[in-house]
N, C-alpha and C. Protein backbone atom coordinates (compact mmCIF):
# COMPACT_ATOMS: atom_id res chain seq x y z
N UNK A 1 58.31 -107.41 -3.86
CA UNK A 1 56.95 -106.96 -3.69
C UNK A 1 56.03 -108.08 -4.18
N UNK A 2 54.95 -108.29 -3.43
CA UNK A 2 54.08 -109.40 -3.81
C UNK A 2 53.10 -109.01 -4.91
N UNK A 3 52.53 -110.03 -5.51
CA UNK A 3 51.63 -109.82 -6.64
C UNK A 3 50.39 -109.01 -6.27
N UNK A 4 49.83 -109.26 -5.08
CA UNK A 4 48.63 -108.53 -4.66
C UNK A 4 48.92 -107.03 -4.54
N UNK A 5 50.06 -106.70 -3.98
CA UNK A 5 50.41 -105.28 -3.82
C UNK A 5 50.65 -104.65 -5.19
N UNK A 6 51.36 -105.37 -6.07
CA UNK A 6 51.57 -104.86 -7.43
C UNK A 6 50.24 -104.63 -8.13
N UNK A 7 49.36 -105.58 -8.03
CA UNK A 7 48.05 -105.47 -8.69
C UNK A 7 47.29 -104.27 -8.14
N UNK A 8 47.32 -104.09 -6.82
CA UNK A 8 46.64 -102.96 -6.19
C UNK A 8 47.21 -101.63 -6.69
N UNK A 9 48.54 -101.53 -6.73
CA UNK A 9 49.16 -100.28 -7.17
C UNK A 9 48.88 -100.00 -8.64
N UNK A 10 48.94 -101.04 -9.46
CA UNK A 10 48.63 -100.86 -10.88
C UNK A 10 47.16 -100.47 -11.06
N UNK A 11 46.27 -101.08 -10.29
CA UNK A 11 44.86 -100.74 -10.38
C UNK A 11 44.65 -99.26 -10.05
N UNK A 12 45.34 -98.77 -9.04
CA UNK A 12 45.22 -97.35 -8.69
C UNK A 12 45.76 -96.46 -9.81
N UNK A 13 46.85 -96.89 -10.45
CA UNK A 13 47.40 -96.10 -11.55
C UNK A 13 46.46 -96.09 -12.75
N UNK A 14 45.88 -97.25 -13.04
CA UNK A 14 44.92 -97.31 -14.14
C UNK A 14 43.70 -96.45 -13.83
N UNK A 15 43.20 -96.52 -12.61
CA UNK A 15 42.05 -95.72 -12.23
C UNK A 15 42.34 -94.24 -12.40
N UNK A 16 43.53 -93.80 -11.97
CA UNK A 16 43.90 -92.39 -12.14
C UNK A 16 44.01 -92.04 -13.62
N UNK A 17 44.56 -92.95 -14.42
CA UNK A 17 44.68 -92.69 -15.86
C UNK A 17 43.30 -92.55 -16.50
N UNK A 18 42.37 -93.43 -16.12
CA UNK A 18 41.02 -93.34 -16.67
C UNK A 18 40.31 -92.07 -16.21
N UNK A 19 40.58 -91.65 -14.98
CA UNK A 19 39.98 -90.40 -14.49
C UNK A 19 40.46 -89.20 -15.31
N UNK A 20 41.67 -89.30 -15.85
CA UNK A 20 42.23 -88.20 -16.64
C UNK A 20 41.90 -88.28 -18.12
N UNK A 21 41.22 -89.32 -18.55
CA UNK A 21 40.79 -89.45 -19.95
C UNK A 21 39.36 -88.96 -20.09
N UNK A 22 39.08 -88.26 -21.16
CA UNK A 22 37.69 -87.88 -21.38
C UNK A 22 36.97 -89.04 -22.07
N UNK A 23 35.66 -88.96 -22.08
CA UNK A 23 34.84 -90.06 -22.62
C UNK A 23 35.14 -90.35 -24.08
N UNK A 24 35.42 -89.32 -24.87
CA UNK A 24 35.70 -89.56 -26.29
C UNK A 24 37.00 -90.34 -26.46
N UNK A 25 38.00 -90.08 -25.63
CA UNK A 25 39.26 -90.83 -25.70
C UNK A 25 39.04 -92.29 -25.32
N UNK A 26 38.22 -92.54 -24.30
CA UNK A 26 37.90 -93.92 -23.93
C UNK A 26 37.18 -94.63 -25.06
N UNK A 27 36.25 -93.94 -25.69
CA UNK A 27 35.53 -94.52 -26.82
C UNK A 27 36.46 -94.83 -27.97
N UNK A 28 37.40 -93.93 -28.24
CA UNK A 28 38.36 -94.14 -29.33
C UNK A 28 39.24 -95.37 -29.06
N UNK A 29 39.69 -95.50 -27.82
CA UNK A 29 40.50 -96.67 -27.46
C UNK A 29 39.70 -97.96 -27.62
N UNK A 30 38.45 -97.95 -27.20
CA UNK A 30 37.61 -99.14 -27.32
C UNK A 30 37.32 -99.48 -28.78
N UNK A 31 37.09 -98.46 -29.60
CA UNK A 31 36.83 -98.70 -31.02
C UNK A 31 38.05 -99.24 -31.75
N UNK A 32 39.25 -98.96 -31.24
CA UNK A 32 40.48 -99.43 -31.88
C UNK A 32 40.68 -100.94 -31.69
N UNK A 33 39.97 -101.53 -30.74
CA UNK A 33 40.09 -102.97 -30.51
C UNK A 33 39.38 -103.72 -31.63
N UNK A 34 39.92 -104.88 -31.96
CA UNK A 34 39.33 -105.69 -33.02
C UNK A 34 39.12 -107.12 -32.55
N UNK A 35 38.19 -107.80 -33.17
CA UNK A 35 37.98 -109.24 -32.98
C UNK A 35 37.80 -109.66 -31.53
N UNK A 36 38.61 -110.66 -31.13
CA UNK A 36 38.50 -111.22 -29.78
C UNK A 36 38.78 -110.18 -28.70
N UNK A 37 39.71 -109.25 -28.97
CA UNK A 37 39.99 -108.21 -27.98
C UNK A 37 38.74 -107.37 -27.73
N UNK A 38 38.05 -107.01 -28.78
CA UNK A 38 36.84 -106.20 -28.65
C UNK A 38 35.78 -106.96 -27.87
N UNK A 39 35.58 -108.23 -28.21
CA UNK A 39 34.58 -109.05 -27.52
C UNK A 39 34.96 -109.25 -26.05
N UNK A 40 36.21 -109.55 -25.81
CA UNK A 40 36.68 -109.74 -24.43
C UNK A 40 36.54 -108.47 -23.60
N UNK A 41 36.89 -107.34 -24.21
CA UNK A 41 36.77 -106.07 -23.51
C UNK A 41 35.31 -105.78 -23.17
N UNK A 42 34.42 -106.04 -24.11
CA UNK A 42 32.99 -105.81 -23.87
C UNK A 42 32.51 -106.64 -22.68
N UNK A 43 33.00 -107.88 -22.57
CA UNK A 43 32.62 -108.73 -21.45
C UNK A 43 33.20 -108.22 -20.14
N UNK A 44 34.46 -107.81 -20.16
CA UNK A 44 35.13 -107.32 -18.95
C UNK A 44 34.38 -106.14 -18.35
N UNK A 45 34.04 -105.16 -19.19
CA UNK A 45 33.39 -103.96 -18.66
C UNK A 45 31.87 -104.02 -18.71
N UNK A 46 31.32 -105.11 -19.23
CA UNK A 46 29.88 -105.29 -19.24
C UNK A 46 29.15 -104.36 -20.20
N UNK A 47 29.72 -104.20 -21.39
CA UNK A 47 29.08 -103.33 -22.38
C UNK A 47 27.82 -103.99 -22.93
N UNK A 48 26.78 -103.19 -23.18
CA UNK A 48 25.59 -103.75 -23.83
C UNK A 48 25.94 -104.19 -25.25
N UNK A 49 25.14 -105.08 -25.79
CA UNK A 49 25.41 -105.65 -27.11
C UNK A 49 25.56 -104.60 -28.20
N UNK A 50 24.85 -103.49 -28.09
CA UNK A 50 24.88 -102.47 -29.14
C UNK A 50 25.83 -101.30 -28.82
N UNK A 51 26.67 -101.44 -27.84
CA UNK A 51 27.53 -100.33 -27.40
C UNK A 51 28.43 -99.81 -28.51
N UNK A 52 28.99 -100.69 -29.33
CA UNK A 52 29.91 -100.27 -30.38
C UNK A 52 29.18 -99.60 -31.56
N UNK A 53 27.88 -99.75 -31.62
CA UNK A 53 27.12 -99.15 -32.70
C UNK A 53 26.90 -97.64 -32.49
N UNK A 54 27.12 -97.18 -31.28
CA UNK A 54 26.92 -95.76 -30.98
C UNK A 54 28.22 -95.18 -30.40
N UNK A 55 29.17 -94.82 -31.26
CA UNK A 55 30.46 -94.32 -30.79
C UNK A 55 30.35 -93.10 -29.87
N UNK A 56 29.31 -92.31 -30.02
CA UNK A 56 29.17 -91.10 -29.20
C UNK A 56 28.98 -91.43 -27.72
N UNK A 57 28.34 -92.55 -27.42
CA UNK A 57 28.10 -92.91 -26.02
C UNK A 57 29.02 -94.03 -25.53
N UNK A 58 29.87 -94.55 -26.40
CA UNK A 58 30.72 -95.68 -26.03
C UNK A 58 31.65 -95.34 -24.86
N UNK A 59 32.24 -94.18 -24.89
CA UNK A 59 33.15 -93.78 -23.80
C UNK A 59 32.46 -93.76 -22.44
N UNK A 60 31.24 -93.25 -22.42
CA UNK A 60 30.47 -93.21 -21.17
C UNK A 60 30.17 -94.63 -20.70
N UNK A 61 29.78 -95.49 -21.64
CA UNK A 61 29.50 -96.89 -21.31
C UNK A 61 30.75 -97.58 -20.75
N UNK A 62 31.89 -97.32 -21.37
CA UNK A 62 33.15 -97.91 -20.89
C UNK A 62 33.45 -97.41 -19.49
N UNK A 63 33.39 -96.10 -19.28
CA UNK A 63 33.69 -95.53 -17.96
C UNK A 63 32.76 -96.11 -16.89
N UNK A 64 31.48 -96.17 -17.20
CA UNK A 64 30.52 -96.72 -16.23
C UNK A 64 30.81 -98.19 -15.93
N UNK A 65 31.15 -98.96 -16.96
CA UNK A 65 31.45 -100.38 -16.75
C UNK A 65 32.70 -100.58 -15.91
N UNK A 66 33.73 -99.79 -16.17
CA UNK A 66 34.96 -99.90 -15.40
C UNK A 66 34.70 -99.58 -13.93
N UNK A 67 33.94 -98.53 -13.68
CA UNK A 67 33.65 -98.14 -12.30
C UNK A 67 32.74 -99.16 -11.61
N UNK A 68 31.69 -99.57 -12.30
CA UNK A 68 30.71 -100.49 -11.69
C UNK A 68 31.33 -101.84 -11.37
N UNK A 69 32.14 -102.34 -12.29
CA UNK A 69 32.72 -103.68 -12.11
C UNK A 69 34.11 -103.65 -11.45
N UNK A 70 34.65 -102.45 -11.27
CA UNK A 70 35.97 -102.28 -10.65
C UNK A 70 37.03 -103.08 -11.40
N UNK A 71 37.12 -102.83 -12.69
CA UNK A 71 38.03 -103.58 -13.55
C UNK A 71 39.02 -102.67 -14.26
N UNK A 72 39.47 -101.62 -13.58
CA UNK A 72 40.38 -100.67 -14.21
C UNK A 72 41.64 -101.37 -14.71
N UNK A 73 42.21 -102.26 -13.92
CA UNK A 73 43.43 -102.96 -14.32
C UNK A 73 43.22 -103.77 -15.59
N UNK A 74 42.21 -104.63 -15.57
CA UNK A 74 41.95 -105.48 -16.74
C UNK A 74 41.60 -104.66 -17.97
N UNK A 75 40.78 -103.62 -17.78
CA UNK A 75 40.40 -102.77 -18.90
C UNK A 75 41.62 -102.06 -19.47
N UNK A 76 42.49 -101.58 -18.60
CA UNK A 76 43.70 -100.89 -19.07
C UNK A 76 44.61 -101.78 -19.88
N UNK A 77 44.78 -103.01 -19.43
CA UNK A 77 45.63 -103.96 -20.15
C UNK A 77 45.05 -104.24 -21.54
N UNK A 78 43.74 -104.48 -21.62
CA UNK A 78 43.13 -104.81 -22.91
C UNK A 78 43.14 -103.60 -23.84
N UNK A 79 42.82 -102.42 -23.33
CA UNK A 79 42.81 -101.24 -24.20
C UNK A 79 44.20 -100.92 -24.75
N UNK A 80 45.23 -101.27 -24.03
CA UNK A 80 46.60 -101.02 -24.48
C UNK A 80 47.15 -102.15 -25.35
N UNK A 81 46.46 -103.26 -25.43
CA UNK A 81 47.00 -104.45 -26.09
C UNK A 81 47.46 -104.23 -27.54
N UNK A 82 46.72 -103.56 -28.40
CA UNK A 82 47.24 -103.34 -29.76
C UNK A 82 48.58 -102.58 -29.73
N UNK A 83 48.67 -101.57 -28.91
CA UNK A 83 49.91 -100.79 -28.79
C UNK A 83 51.02 -101.66 -28.19
N UNK A 84 50.68 -102.46 -27.21
CA UNK A 84 51.66 -103.33 -26.56
C UNK A 84 52.24 -104.32 -27.56
N UNK A 85 51.38 -104.97 -28.34
CA UNK A 85 51.87 -105.95 -29.32
C UNK A 85 52.74 -105.29 -30.38
N UNK A 86 52.35 -104.13 -30.83
CA UNK A 86 53.15 -103.40 -31.83
C UNK A 86 54.52 -103.06 -31.24
N UNK A 87 54.53 -102.59 -29.99
CA UNK A 87 55.79 -102.21 -29.34
C UNK A 87 56.68 -103.43 -29.12
N UNK A 88 56.11 -104.54 -28.74
CA UNK A 88 56.89 -105.77 -28.57
C UNK A 88 57.54 -106.16 -29.88
N UNK A 89 56.77 -106.09 -30.97
CA UNK A 89 57.31 -106.40 -32.30
C UNK A 89 58.46 -105.46 -32.66
N UNK A 90 58.30 -104.18 -32.40
CA UNK A 90 59.34 -103.19 -32.72
C UNK A 90 60.59 -103.39 -31.89
N UNK A 91 60.43 -103.74 -30.61
CA UNK A 91 61.58 -103.92 -29.72
C UNK A 91 62.31 -105.24 -29.99
N UNK A 92 61.61 -106.19 -30.56
CA UNK A 92 62.22 -107.48 -30.87
C UNK A 92 62.71 -108.20 -29.63
N UNK A 93 63.94 -108.68 -29.68
CA UNK A 93 64.49 -109.46 -28.57
C UNK A 93 64.61 -108.66 -27.28
N UNK A 94 64.75 -107.38 -27.37
CA UNK A 94 64.89 -106.57 -26.15
C UNK A 94 63.55 -106.28 -25.49
N UNK A 95 62.46 -106.79 -26.04
CA UNK A 95 61.14 -106.52 -25.48
C UNK A 95 60.95 -107.12 -24.09
N UNK A 96 61.75 -108.13 -23.75
CA UNK A 96 61.64 -108.75 -22.42
C UNK A 96 62.03 -107.80 -21.31
N UNK A 97 62.96 -106.90 -21.57
CA UNK A 97 63.39 -105.91 -20.58
C UNK A 97 64.09 -104.76 -21.30
N UNK A 98 63.32 -103.91 -21.97
CA UNK A 98 63.93 -102.83 -22.75
C UNK A 98 64.60 -101.78 -21.87
N UNK A 99 65.63 -101.17 -22.40
CA UNK A 99 66.30 -100.08 -21.70
C UNK A 99 65.51 -98.80 -21.92
N UNK A 100 65.83 -97.79 -21.15
CA UNK A 100 65.19 -96.50 -21.32
C UNK A 100 65.48 -95.94 -22.71
N UNK A 101 66.71 -96.13 -23.18
CA UNK A 101 67.08 -95.64 -24.51
C UNK A 101 66.27 -96.33 -25.61
N UNK A 102 66.09 -97.63 -25.48
CA UNK A 102 65.29 -98.37 -26.46
C UNK A 102 63.83 -97.89 -26.45
N UNK A 103 63.31 -97.61 -25.27
CA UNK A 103 61.94 -97.10 -25.18
C UNK A 103 61.84 -95.71 -25.81
N UNK A 104 62.83 -94.85 -25.55
CA UNK A 104 62.83 -93.52 -26.16
C UNK A 104 62.88 -93.61 -27.68
N UNK A 105 63.51 -94.65 -28.19
CA UNK A 105 63.62 -94.80 -29.64
C UNK A 105 62.29 -95.25 -30.27
N UNK A 106 61.52 -96.07 -29.57
CA UNK A 106 60.32 -96.65 -30.17
C UNK A 106 59.02 -95.91 -29.79
N UNK A 107 58.98 -95.25 -28.65
CA UNK A 107 57.72 -94.66 -28.20
C UNK A 107 57.19 -93.52 -29.06
N UNK A 108 58.03 -92.67 -29.64
CA UNK A 108 57.45 -91.63 -30.52
C UNK A 108 56.62 -92.23 -31.67
N UNK A 109 57.13 -93.30 -32.25
CA UNK A 109 56.38 -93.95 -33.33
C UNK A 109 55.11 -94.61 -32.79
N UNK A 110 55.20 -95.19 -31.58
CA UNK A 110 54.01 -95.80 -30.97
C UNK A 110 52.95 -94.73 -30.69
N UNK A 111 53.39 -93.57 -30.24
CA UNK A 111 52.45 -92.48 -29.98
C UNK A 111 51.78 -92.04 -31.28
N UNK A 112 52.57 -91.94 -32.36
CA UNK A 112 51.99 -91.57 -33.66
C UNK A 112 51.00 -92.61 -34.15
N UNK A 113 51.31 -93.88 -33.91
CA UNK A 113 50.48 -94.98 -34.40
C UNK A 113 49.22 -95.19 -33.56
N UNK A 114 49.33 -95.12 -32.23
CA UNK A 114 48.23 -95.49 -31.34
C UNK A 114 47.73 -94.36 -30.45
N UNK A 115 48.46 -93.28 -30.35
CA UNK A 115 48.07 -92.16 -29.50
C UNK A 115 48.70 -92.25 -28.12
N UNK A 116 48.85 -91.10 -27.52
CA UNK A 116 49.49 -91.02 -26.21
C UNK A 116 48.71 -91.77 -25.14
N UNK A 117 47.39 -91.78 -25.22
CA UNK A 117 46.58 -92.46 -24.20
C UNK A 117 46.85 -93.96 -24.18
N UNK A 118 46.92 -94.59 -25.34
CA UNK A 118 47.20 -96.02 -25.41
C UNK A 118 48.61 -96.32 -24.91
N UNK A 119 49.56 -95.46 -25.26
CA UNK A 119 50.94 -95.66 -24.80
C UNK A 119 51.02 -95.52 -23.29
N UNK A 120 50.31 -94.55 -22.73
CA UNK A 120 50.29 -94.40 -21.26
C UNK A 120 49.77 -95.66 -20.59
N UNK A 121 48.70 -96.22 -21.12
CA UNK A 121 48.15 -97.45 -20.54
C UNK A 121 49.15 -98.60 -20.62
N UNK A 122 49.87 -98.67 -21.73
CA UNK A 122 50.89 -99.71 -21.87
C UNK A 122 52.01 -99.48 -20.86
N UNK A 123 52.44 -98.26 -20.69
CA UNK A 123 53.52 -97.94 -19.76
C UNK A 123 53.10 -98.32 -18.33
N UNK A 124 51.87 -98.04 -17.97
CA UNK A 124 51.39 -98.42 -16.64
C UNK A 124 51.55 -99.92 -16.43
N UNK A 125 51.18 -100.68 -17.44
CA UNK A 125 51.22 -102.14 -17.33
C UNK A 125 52.60 -102.65 -16.94
N UNK A 126 53.65 -102.05 -17.48
CA UNK A 126 55.01 -102.55 -17.25
C UNK A 126 55.79 -101.70 -16.26
N UNK A 127 55.16 -100.69 -15.68
CA UNK A 127 55.88 -99.76 -14.82
C UNK A 127 56.32 -100.36 -13.50
N UNK A 128 55.79 -101.49 -13.11
CA UNK A 128 56.20 -102.13 -11.86
C UNK A 128 57.18 -103.27 -12.09
N UNK A 129 57.24 -103.78 -13.31
CA UNK A 129 58.02 -105.01 -13.51
C UNK A 129 59.28 -104.84 -14.35
N UNK A 130 59.34 -103.86 -15.22
CA UNK A 130 60.50 -103.73 -16.11
C UNK A 130 61.25 -102.43 -15.84
N UNK A 131 62.56 -102.56 -15.69
CA UNK A 131 63.40 -101.42 -15.30
C UNK A 131 63.28 -100.24 -16.26
N UNK A 132 63.31 -100.48 -17.55
CA UNK A 132 63.23 -99.40 -18.52
C UNK A 132 61.94 -98.60 -18.37
N UNK A 133 60.83 -99.30 -18.13
CA UNK A 133 59.56 -98.62 -17.93
C UNK A 133 59.54 -97.86 -16.60
N UNK A 134 60.14 -98.43 -15.55
CA UNK A 134 60.22 -97.70 -14.28
C UNK A 134 61.00 -96.41 -14.46
N UNK A 135 62.11 -96.48 -15.19
CA UNK A 135 62.91 -95.29 -15.45
C UNK A 135 62.13 -94.28 -16.29
N UNK A 136 61.36 -94.76 -17.25
CA UNK A 136 60.55 -93.89 -18.09
C UNK A 136 59.53 -93.13 -17.24
N UNK A 137 58.86 -93.84 -16.34
CA UNK A 137 57.86 -93.23 -15.47
C UNK A 137 58.52 -92.17 -14.58
N UNK A 138 59.74 -92.46 -14.13
CA UNK A 138 60.44 -91.54 -13.24
C UNK A 138 61.00 -90.32 -13.97
N UNK A 139 61.27 -90.46 -15.26
CA UNK A 139 61.97 -89.38 -15.98
C UNK A 139 61.12 -88.60 -16.98
N UNK A 140 59.97 -89.11 -17.35
CA UNK A 140 59.14 -88.45 -18.36
C UNK A 140 57.78 -88.12 -17.76
N UNK A 141 57.51 -86.86 -17.58
CA UNK A 141 56.28 -86.47 -16.90
C UNK A 141 55.01 -86.87 -17.64
N UNK A 142 55.10 -87.17 -18.94
CA UNK A 142 53.92 -87.65 -19.67
C UNK A 142 53.45 -89.00 -19.13
N UNK A 143 54.36 -89.75 -18.52
CA UNK A 143 54.03 -91.09 -18.05
C UNK A 143 54.05 -91.21 -16.53
N UNK A 144 54.32 -90.12 -15.84
CA UNK A 144 54.34 -90.15 -14.38
C UNK A 144 52.94 -90.44 -13.86
N UNK A 145 52.85 -91.16 -12.74
CA UNK A 145 51.53 -91.40 -12.16
C UNK A 145 50.81 -90.08 -11.93
N UNK A 146 49.53 -90.06 -12.26
CA UNK A 146 48.76 -88.83 -12.12
C UNK A 146 47.58 -89.07 -11.20
N UNK A 147 46.90 -88.00 -10.93
CA UNK A 147 45.73 -88.09 -10.06
C UNK A 147 46.08 -87.58 -8.69
N UNK A 148 45.08 -87.54 -7.83
CA UNK A 148 45.32 -87.03 -6.49
C UNK A 148 46.24 -87.94 -5.70
N UNK A 149 47.09 -87.33 -4.92
CA UNK A 149 47.98 -88.11 -4.06
C UNK A 149 47.14 -88.78 -2.97
N UNK A 150 47.56 -89.97 -2.56
CA UNK A 150 46.80 -90.64 -1.51
C UNK A 150 46.82 -89.81 -0.23
N UNK A 151 45.71 -89.83 0.46
CA UNK A 151 45.60 -89.09 1.71
C UNK A 151 46.40 -89.81 2.78
N UNK A 152 47.30 -89.07 3.41
CA UNK A 152 48.14 -89.67 4.45
C UNK A 152 48.11 -88.80 5.70
N UNK A 153 46.95 -88.30 6.05
CA UNK A 153 46.83 -87.46 7.23
C UNK A 153 47.13 -88.28 8.48
N UNK A 154 47.79 -87.64 9.41
CA UNK A 154 48.09 -88.30 10.66
C UNK A 154 46.85 -88.34 11.54
N UNK A 155 46.72 -89.43 12.25
CA UNK A 155 45.59 -89.59 13.14
C UNK A 155 45.81 -88.75 14.39
N UNK A 156 44.81 -87.99 14.75
CA UNK A 156 44.87 -87.18 15.97
C UNK A 156 44.57 -88.11 17.14
N UNK A 157 45.44 -88.10 18.15
CA UNK A 157 45.26 -88.96 19.31
C UNK A 157 44.83 -88.09 20.49
N UNK A 158 43.70 -88.43 21.08
CA UNK A 158 43.22 -87.74 22.26
C UNK A 158 43.82 -88.46 23.47
N UNK A 159 44.86 -87.86 24.03
CA UNK A 159 45.59 -88.51 25.13
C UNK A 159 44.70 -88.75 26.34
N UNK A 160 43.81 -87.83 26.65
CA UNK A 160 42.93 -88.00 27.81
C UNK A 160 42.01 -89.20 27.61
N UNK A 161 41.45 -89.33 26.40
CA UNK A 161 40.57 -90.45 26.11
C UNK A 161 41.34 -91.77 26.16
N UNK A 162 42.58 -91.76 25.65
CA UNK A 162 43.40 -92.97 25.70
C UNK A 162 43.72 -93.36 27.14
N UNK A 163 44.03 -92.39 27.97
CA UNK A 163 44.33 -92.66 29.38
C UNK A 163 43.11 -93.23 30.09
N UNK A 164 41.93 -92.70 29.77
CA UNK A 164 40.70 -93.20 30.37
C UNK A 164 40.45 -94.65 29.95
N UNK A 165 40.71 -94.96 28.69
CA UNK A 165 40.54 -96.34 28.20
C UNK A 165 41.51 -97.27 28.92
N UNK A 166 42.76 -96.83 29.10
CA UNK A 166 43.75 -97.67 29.80
C UNK A 166 43.30 -97.95 31.24
N UNK A 167 42.81 -96.92 31.92
CA UNK A 167 42.35 -97.09 33.30
C UNK A 167 41.15 -98.04 33.37
N UNK A 168 40.22 -97.90 32.45
CA UNK A 168 39.05 -98.78 32.41
C UNK A 168 39.48 -100.22 32.15
N UNK A 169 40.44 -100.40 31.28
CA UNK A 169 40.95 -101.75 30.98
C UNK A 169 41.61 -102.35 32.22
N UNK A 170 42.41 -101.55 32.94
CA UNK A 170 43.08 -102.04 34.16
C UNK A 170 42.04 -102.45 35.20
N UNK A 171 40.99 -101.62 35.36
CA UNK A 171 39.96 -101.92 36.35
C UNK A 171 39.22 -103.20 35.98
N UNK A 172 38.89 -103.35 34.69
CA UNK A 172 38.20 -104.56 34.24
C UNK A 172 39.05 -105.80 34.48
N UNK A 173 40.33 -105.71 34.17
CA UNK A 173 41.23 -106.86 34.36
C UNK A 173 41.36 -107.19 35.85
N UNK A 174 41.42 -106.18 36.69
CA UNK A 174 41.51 -106.42 38.14
C UNK A 174 40.25 -107.11 38.64
N UNK A 175 39.08 -106.68 38.14
CA UNK A 175 37.82 -107.32 38.51
C UNK A 175 37.79 -108.77 38.05
N UNK A 176 38.23 -109.01 36.83
CA UNK A 176 38.25 -110.38 36.29
C UNK A 176 39.19 -111.25 37.11
N UNK A 177 40.32 -110.70 37.48
CA UNK A 177 41.29 -111.45 38.28
C UNK A 177 40.72 -111.77 39.65
N UNK A 178 40.04 -110.82 40.27
CA UNK A 178 39.43 -111.04 41.59
C UNK A 178 38.33 -112.09 41.50
N UNK A 179 37.51 -111.99 40.44
CA UNK A 179 36.43 -112.97 40.26
C UNK A 179 37.00 -114.36 40.04
N UNK A 180 38.07 -114.45 39.30
CA UNK A 180 38.70 -115.75 39.03
C UNK A 180 39.28 -116.33 40.32
N UNK A 181 39.91 -115.49 41.11
CA UNK A 181 40.49 -115.95 42.37
C UNK A 181 39.38 -116.42 43.32
N UNK A 182 38.27 -115.70 43.36
CA UNK A 182 37.15 -116.07 44.20
C UNK A 182 36.58 -117.41 43.74
N UNK A 183 36.46 -117.62 42.41
CA UNK A 183 35.96 -118.89 41.85
C UNK A 183 36.86 -120.03 42.24
N UNK A 184 38.16 -119.83 42.17
CA UNK A 184 39.11 -120.90 42.50
C UNK A 184 39.07 -121.19 43.99
N UNK A 185 38.79 -120.18 44.83
CA UNK A 185 38.68 -120.38 46.28
C UNK A 185 37.48 -121.22 46.63
N UNK A 186 36.38 -121.09 45.94
CA UNK A 186 35.16 -121.86 46.20
C UNK A 186 35.33 -123.31 45.79
N UNK A 187 36.13 -123.59 44.79
CA UNK A 187 36.30 -124.96 44.27
C UNK A 187 37.12 -125.80 45.23
N UNK A 188 37.95 -125.23 45.99
CA UNK A 188 38.85 -126.01 46.87
C UNK A 188 38.20 -126.41 48.11
């Protein structure tokens, strides 16, 4: 699978995850960021300079910034970063490709430390690239992709209209062919 498709699918998963978070949860995740992560996140979502000073409206500001700038993927990665780094440290050498069992061993503590919302965002990040995370998404409904299923309605085909278009195309091509033949006859 190519990178563009992966990015698109992850962006849709992050968007669905953000749709399922309330504003206070978004604000809590943003407030948990420190230092450069906080500054970088503020730039990504376009937070006003005083956004962190008013925790009550921070979640709304974050949601509006994510929607306006269409940065669900980037915002999700940054909001999960503290949890991600902690989990990498806990997994140690197996962090490059943890098994489902290793994830089951470490995630309860990660949830206690950072909350289920941060862990969900982290899981989304690795759900396309690492086998253990793919298995986790498939086996644990807390991490399954959420939100409305994509619309896949079949296109209704009007056979009469299609037949009329085909006939019109044939007539036009016949006229073009006749005109071309007439043009070539005059040149000789």
